[in-house]
Amino acid sequence: MNDLPDDAESRGEPPPRVPVKIEEFFAAMAMALICCITFANVIVRYFTDASFAFTEEFSIFLMVVLTLFGGAAAFAKDQHIRMTFVTDRLPRNLARKVEYLVMALSAVMFALMAWYGFYLFWDDWQYDTTSPGIGIPQWIYTIWLPLLSVVIFLRILGRLGRLFRQPAPGEQA
């Protein structure tokens, strides 16, 4: 096994047109906010034996946002989690077809998440649902699921486009 990352850049593929730094920035911001909120809660709890009520609710929300932004960046850079035990043993042309199938199924999954996530948001908006911890409108949290699912869906489509434009194994560029 080699220690080099097996991603699009290491195979000489062109980078995405929209910089991945956007998702990386927002993922880093979510992580920084999680760290700040948790650190503040630890300090307050240490000195006062009380805790901030909102920390768990915000931390869970930010963890979901972090995961979705990280997923978008991973799909764009072709570093998403996958099991390659079987595909590494397939002929290159067949492995490429499996990659097309996996990307297409991923796109369908995130399109469905965006679709149903929108209805989740709409229910929260329409019925004025409030969060269980601190009572703010729940739609503030649920709007991010469809929005970031669309971002991941678009990143997958971009990856599929780059994959289709790349010459097949054994072909000349």
C-alpha atoms as a PDB file:
ATOM      1  CA  MET A   1       0.000   0.000   0.000  1.00  0.00           C
ATOM      2  CA  ASN A   2       1.219   3.481  -0.753  1.00  0.00           C
ATOM      3  CA  ASP A   3       0.874   6.417   1.612  1.00  0.00           C
ATOM      4  CA  LEU A   4      -0.236   8.868  -1.068  1.00  0.00           C
ATOM      5  CA  PRO A   5      -3.850   9.995  -1.031  1.00  0.00           C
ATOM      6  CA  ASP A   6      -5.964   8.389  -3.723  1.00  0.00           C
ATOM      7  CA  ASP A   7      -7.936  11.424  -4.756  1.00  0.00           C
ATOM      8  CA  ALA A   8      -8.654  13.339  -7.940  1.00  0.00           C
ATOM      9  CA  GLU A   9      -5.605  15.601  -7.643  1.00  0.00           C
ATOM     10  CA  SER A  10      -3.169  12.714  -7.221  1.00  0.00           C
ATOM     11  CA  ARG A  11      -4.526  11.163 -10.445  1.00  0.00           C
ATOM     12  CA  GLY A  12      -4.026  14.384 -12.411  1.00  0.00           C
ATOM     13  CA  GLU A  13      -7.721  15.271 -12.714  1.00  0.00           C
ATOM     14  CA  PRO A  14      -8.669  18.934 -13.064  1.00  0.00           C
ATOM     15  CA  PRO A  15      -9.847  20.643  -9.883  1.00  0.00           C
ATOM     16  CA  PRO A  16     -13.509  21.614  -9.435  1.00  0.00           C
ATOM     17  CA  ARG A  17     -14.549  24.929 -10.997  1.00  0.00           C
ATOM     18  CA  VAL A  18     -15.990  26.200  -7.716  1.00  0.00           C
ATOM     19  CA  PRO A  19     -13.208  26.180  -5.118  1.00  0.00           C
ATOM     20  CA  VAL A  20     -13.548  23.589  -2.370  1.00  0.00           C
ATOM     21  CA  LYS A  21     -12.107  26.173   0.015  1.00  0.00           C
ATOM     22  CA  ILE A  22     -15.667  27.502   0.434  1.00  0.00           C
ATOM     23  CA  GLU A  23     -16.902  24.290   2.069  1.00  0.00           C
ATOM     24  CA  GLU A  24     -13.649  23.889   3.968  1.00  0.00           C
ATOM     25  CA  PHE A  25     -13.999  27.411   5.396  1.00  0.00           C
ATOM     26  CA  PHE A  26     -17.554  26.857   6.611  1.00  0.00           C
ATOM     27  CA  ALA A  27     -16.678  23.433   8.024  1.00  0.00           C
ATOM     28  CA  ALA A  28     -13.769  25.019   9.912  1.00  0.00           C
ATOM     29  CA  MET A  29     -16.052  27.784  11.181  1.00  0.00           C
ATOM     30  CA  ALA A  30     -18.564  25.212  12.437  1.00  0.00           C
ATOM     31  CA  MET A  31     -15.775  23.303  14.187  1.00  0.00           C
ATOM     32  CA  ALA A  32     -14.420  26.505  15.745  1.00  0.00           C
ATOM     33  CA  LEU A  33     -17.881  27.430  17.019  1.00  0.00           C
ATOM     34  CA  ILE A  34     -18.352  23.954  18.487  1.00  0.00           C
ATOM     35  CA  CYS A  35     -15.007  24.263  20.266  1.00  0.00           C
ATOM     36  CA  CYS A  36     -15.776  27.766  21.596  1.00  0.00           C
ATOM     37  CA  ILE A  37     -19.255  26.814  22.806  1.00  0.00           C
ATOM     38  CA  THR A  38     -18.015  23.647  24.479  1.00  0.00           C
ATOM     39  CA  PHE A  39     -15.037  25.423  26.079  1.00  0.00           C
ATOM     40  CA  ALA A  40     -17.266  28.206  27.419  1.00  0.00           C
ATOM     41  CA  ASN A  41     -19.657  25.620  28.815  1.00  0.00           C
ATOM     42  CA  VAL A  42     -16.819  23.773  30.554  1.00  0.00           C
ATOM     43  CA  ILE A  43     -15.507  26.985  32.124  1.00  0.00           C
ATOM     44  CA  VAL A  44     -18.963  28.105  33.285  1.00  0.00           C
ATOM     45  CA  ARG A  45     -19.778  24.661  34.623  1.00  0.00           C
ATOM     46  CA  TYR A  46     -16.439  24.474  36.480  1.00  0.00           C
ATOM     47  CA  PHE A  47     -16.862  27.805  38.221  1.00  0.00           C
ATOM     48  CA  THR A  48     -20.634  27.883  38.795  1.00  0.00           C
ATOM     49  CA  ASP A  49     -21.917  24.256  38.755  1.00  0.00           C
ATOM     50  CA  ALA A  50     -24.404  25.363  36.081  1.00  0.00           C
ATOM     51  CA  SER A  51     -24.215  25.051  32.323  1.00  0.00           C
ATOM     52  CA  PHE A  52     -25.388  27.015  29.330  1.00  0.00           C
ATOM     53  CA  ALA A  53     -28.723  25.551  28.254  1.00  0.00           C
ATOM     54  CA  PHE A  54     -28.201  26.138  24.556  1.00  0.00           C
ATOM     55  CA  THR A  55     -24.815  24.460  24.162  1.00  0.00           C
ATOM     56  CA  GLU A  56     -25.981  20.943  23.434  1.00  0.00           C
ATOM     57  CA  GLU A  57     -28.632  22.063  20.961  1.00  0.00           C
ATOM     58  CA  PHE A  58     -26.255  24.367  19.076  1.00  0.00           C
ATOM     59  CA  SER A  59     -23.417  21.845  19.178  1.00  0.00           C
ATOM     60  CA  ILE A  60     -25.569  19.112  17.640  1.00  0.00           C
ATOM     61  CA  PHE A  61     -26.784  21.518  14.947  1.00  0.00           C
ATOM     62  CA  LEU A  62     -23.233  22.660  14.185  1.00  0.00           C
ATOM     63  CA  MET A  63     -22.025  19.048  14.034  1.00  0.00           C
ATOM     64  CA  VAL A  64     -24.628  18.291  11.358  1.00  0.00           C
ATOM     65  CA  VAL A  65     -23.603  21.420   9.427  1.00  0.00           C
ATOM     66  CA  LEU A  66     -19.931  20.447   9.772  1.00  0.00           C
ATOM     67  CA  THR A  67     -20.679  16.946   8.477  1.00  0.00           C
ATOM     68  CA  LEU A  68     -22.611  18.200   5.443  1.00  0.00           C
ATOM     69  CA  PHE A  69     -20.002  20.803   4.480  1.00  0.00           C
ATOM     70  CA  GLY A  70     -17.285  18.177   4.953  1.00  0.00           C
ATOM     71  CA  GLY A  71     -19.253  15.744   2.783  1.00  0.00           C
ATOM     72  CA  ALA A  72     -19.541  18.333   0.021  1.00  0.00           C
ATOM     73  CA  ALA A  73     -15.789  18.965   0.111  1.00  0.00           C
ATOM     74  CA  ALA A  74     -15.048  15.238   0.159  1.00  0.00           C
ATOM     75  CA  PHE A  75     -17.209  14.551  -2.909  1.00  0.00           C
ATOM     76  CA  ALA A  76     -15.653  17.495  -4.764  1.00  0.00           C
ATOM     77  CA  LYS A  77     -12.114  16.271  -4.051  1.00  0.00           C
ATOM     78  CA  ASP A  78     -12.996  12.588  -4.579  1.00  0.00           C
ATOM     79  CA  GLN A  79     -12.075  11.767  -1.009  1.00  0.00           C
ATOM     80  CA  HIS A  80     -15.467  10.529   0.152  1.00  0.00           C
ATOM     81  CA  ILE A  81     -15.582   7.392   2.250  1.00  0.00           C
ATOM     82  CA  ARG A  82     -15.974   4.244   0.214  1.00  0.00           C
ATOM     83  CA  MET A  83     -15.088   0.603   0.405  1.00  0.00           C
ATOM     84  CA  THR A  84     -12.652  -0.261  -2.328  1.00  0.00           C
ATOM     85  CA  PHE A  85     -11.950  -3.866  -1.422  1.00  0.00           C
ATOM     86  CA  VAL A  86     -13.952  -5.111  -4.403  1.00  0.00           C
ATOM     87  CA  THR A  87     -13.368  -2.281  -6.875  1.00  0.00           C
ATOM     88  CA  ASP A  88      -9.595  -2.396  -6.404  1.00  0.00           C
ATOM     89  CA  ARG A  89      -9.704  -5.972  -7.680  1.00  0.00           C
ATOM     90  CA  LEU A  90     -11.895  -5.246 -10.705  1.00  0.00           C
ATOM     91  CA  PRO A  91     -10.589  -4.460 -14.174  1.00  0.00           C
ATOM     92  CA  ARG A  92     -10.144  -0.701 -14.590  1.00  0.00           C
ATOM     93  CA  ASN A  93     -12.996  -0.276 -17.076  1.00  0.00           C
ATOM     94  CA  LEU A  94     -15.430  -2.130 -14.826  1.00  0.00           C
ATOM     95  CA  ALA A  95     -14.227  -0.231 -11.762  1.00  0.00           C
ATOM     96  CA  ARG A  96     -14.875   3.015 -13.634  1.00  0.00           C
ATOM     97  CA  LYS A  97     -18.434   1.918 -14.420  1.00  0.00           C
ATOM     98  CA  VAL A  98     -18.954   1.077 -10.752  1.00  0.00           C
ATOM     99  CA  GLU A  99     -17.691   4.585  -9.909  1.00  0.00           C
ATOM    100  CA  TYR A 100     -20.309   6.071 -12.269  1.00  0.00           C
ATOM    101  CA  LEU A 101     -22.995   3.981 -10.593  1.00  0.00           C
ATOM    102  CA  VAL A 102     -21.871   4.958  -7.084  1.00  0.00           C
ATOM    103  CA  MET A 103     -21.822   8.659  -7.996  1.00  0.00           C
ATOM    104  CA  ALA A 104     -25.260   8.439  -9.632  1.00  0.00           C
ATOM    105  CA  LEU A 105     -26.749   6.663  -6.608  1.00  0.00           C
ATOM    106  CA  SER A 106     -25.148   9.221  -4.291  1.00  0.00           C
ATOM    107  CA  ALA A 107     -26.673  12.023  -6.356  1.00  0.00           C
ATOM    108  CA  VAL A 108     -30.097  10.390  -6.108  1.00  0.00           C
ATOM    109  CA  MET A 109     -29.722   9.984  -2.346  1.00  0.00           C
ATOM    110  CA  PHE A 110     -28.816  13.629  -1.769  1.00  0.00           C
ATOM    111  CA  ALA A 111     -31.541  14.815  -4.146  1.00  0.00           C
ATOM    112  CA  LEU A 112     -34.030  12.845  -2.032  1.00  0.00           C
ATOM    113  CA  MET A 113     -32.539  14.311   1.139  1.00  0.00           C
ATOM    114  CA  ALA A 114     -32.982  17.796  -0.297  1.00  0.00           C
ATOM    115  CA  TRP A 115     -36.564  17.024  -1.355  1.00  0.00           C
ATOM    116  CA  TYR A 116     -37.700  15.541   1.936  1.00  0.00           C
ATOM    117  CA  GLY A 117     -35.550  17.951   3.941  1.00  0.00           C
ATOM    118  CA  PHE A 118     -37.446  20.798   2.319  1.00  0.00           C
ATOM    119  CA  TYR A 119     -40.732  19.292   3.509  1.00  0.00           C
ATOM    120  CA  LEU A 120     -39.286  18.906   7.002  1.00  0.00           C
ATOM    121  CA  PHE A 121     -38.308  22.584   6.949  1.00  0.00           C
ATOM    122  CA  TRP A 122     -41.721  23.546   5.538  1.00  0.00           C
ATOM    123  CA  ASP A 123     -43.549  21.669   8.314  1.00  0.00           C
ATOM    124  CA  ASP A 124     -41.423  23.398  10.947  1.00  0.00           C
ATOM    125  CA  TRP A 125     -42.105  26.775   9.308  1.00  0.00           C
ATOM    126  CA  GLN A 126     -45.797  26.214   8.751  1.00  0.00           C
ATOM    127  CA  TYR A 127     -46.574  24.881  12.225  1.00  0.00           C
ATOM    128  CA  ASP A 128     -44.205  27.209  14.137  1.00  0.00           C
ATOM    129  CA  THR A 129     -42.358  24.298  15.698  1.00  0.00           C
ATOM    130  CA  THR A 130     -39.888  25.354  18.373  1.00  0.00           C
ATOM    131  CA  SER A 131     -36.705  23.607  19.409  1.00  0.00           C
ATOM    132  CA  PRO A 132     -37.007  21.418  22.502  1.00  0.00           C
ATOM    133  CA  GLY A 133     -34.051  22.908  24.380  1.00  0.00           C
ATOM    134  CA  ILE A 134     -34.355  26.661  24.177  1.00  0.00           C
ATOM    135  CA  GLY A 135     -37.564  27.220  22.257  1.00  0.00           C
ATOM    136  CA  ILE A 136     -36.306  29.016  19.154  1.00  0.00           C
ATOM    137  CA  PRO A 137     -37.974  28.295  15.796  1.00  0.00           C
ATOM    138  CA  GLN A 138     -36.961  24.811  14.651  1.00  0.00           C
ATOM    139  CA  TRP A 139     -36.788  25.869  10.988  1.00  0.00           C
ATOM    140  CA  ILE A 140     -33.571  27.740  11.785  1.00  0.00           C
ATOM    141  CA  TYR A 141     -31.992  24.304  12.161  1.00  0.00           C
ATOM    142  CA  THR A 142     -33.890  22.328   9.527  1.00  0.00           C
ATOM    143  CA  ILE A 143     -33.393  24.763   6.619  1.00  0.00           C
ATOM    144  CA  TRP A 144     -29.759  23.680   6.414  1.00  0.00           C
ATOM    145  CA  LEU A 145     -30.516  20.048   5.572  1.00  0.00           C
ATOM    146  CA  PRO A 146     -32.077  20.730   2.148  1.00  0.00           C
ATOM    147  CA  LEU A 147     -29.698  23.592   1.361  1.00  0.00           C
ATOM    148  CA  LEU A 148     -26.544  21.628   2.093  1.00  0.00           C
ATOM    149  CA  SER A 149     -27.963  18.491   0.460  1.00  0.00           C
ATOM    150  CA  VAL A 150     -28.320  20.544  -2.724  1.00  0.00           C
ATOM    151  CA  VAL A 151     -24.692  21.689  -2.336  1.00  0.00           C
ATOM    152  CA  ILE A 152     -23.551  18.064  -2.042  1.00  0.00           C
ATOM    153  CA  PHE A 153     -25.788  17.076  -4.973  1.00  0.00           C
ATOM    154  CA  LEU A 154     -24.166  19.773  -7.132  1.00  0.00           C
ATOM    155  CA  ARG A 155     -20.682  18.683  -6.028  1.00  0.00           C
ATOM    156  CA  ILE A 156     -21.523  15.105  -7.029  1.00  0.00           C
ATOM    157  CA  LEU A 157     -22.771  16.279 -10.433  1.00  0.00           C
ATOM    158  CA  GLY A 158     -19.536  18.243 -10.870  1.00  0.00           C
ATOM    159  CA  ARG A 159     -17.508  15.169  -9.949  1.00  0.00           C
ATOM    160  CA  LEU A 160     -19.520  13.064 -12.407  1.00  0.00           C
ATOM    161  CA  GLY A 161     -18.889  15.642 -15.134  1.00  0.00           C
ATOM    162  CA  ARG A 162     -15.149  15.579 -14.492  1.00  0.00           C
ATOM    163  CA  LEU A 163     -15.237  11.777 -14.437  1.00  0.00           C
ATOM    164  CA  PHE A 164     -17.013  11.640 -17.823  1.00  0.00           C
ATOM    165  CA  ARG A 165     -14.542  14.115 -19.381  1.00  0.00           C
ATOM    166  CA  GLN A 166     -11.556  12.143 -18.115  1.00  0.00           C
ATOM    167  CA  PRO A 167     -10.246   9.629 -20.640  1.00  0.00           C
ATOM    168  CA  ALA A 168     -11.079   6.016 -19.875  1.00  0.00           C
ATOM    169  CA  PRO A 169      -8.242   3.791 -18.646  1.00  0.00           C
ATOM    170  CA  GLY A 170      -6.049   2.772 -21.540  1.00  0.00           C
ATOM    171  CA  GLU A 171      -7.201   5.655 -23.780  1.00  0.00           C
ATOM    172  CA  GLN A 172      -5.001   8.550 -24.790  1.00  0.00           C
ATOM    173  CA  ALA A 173      -5.972  12.028 -23.568  1.00  0.00           C
END
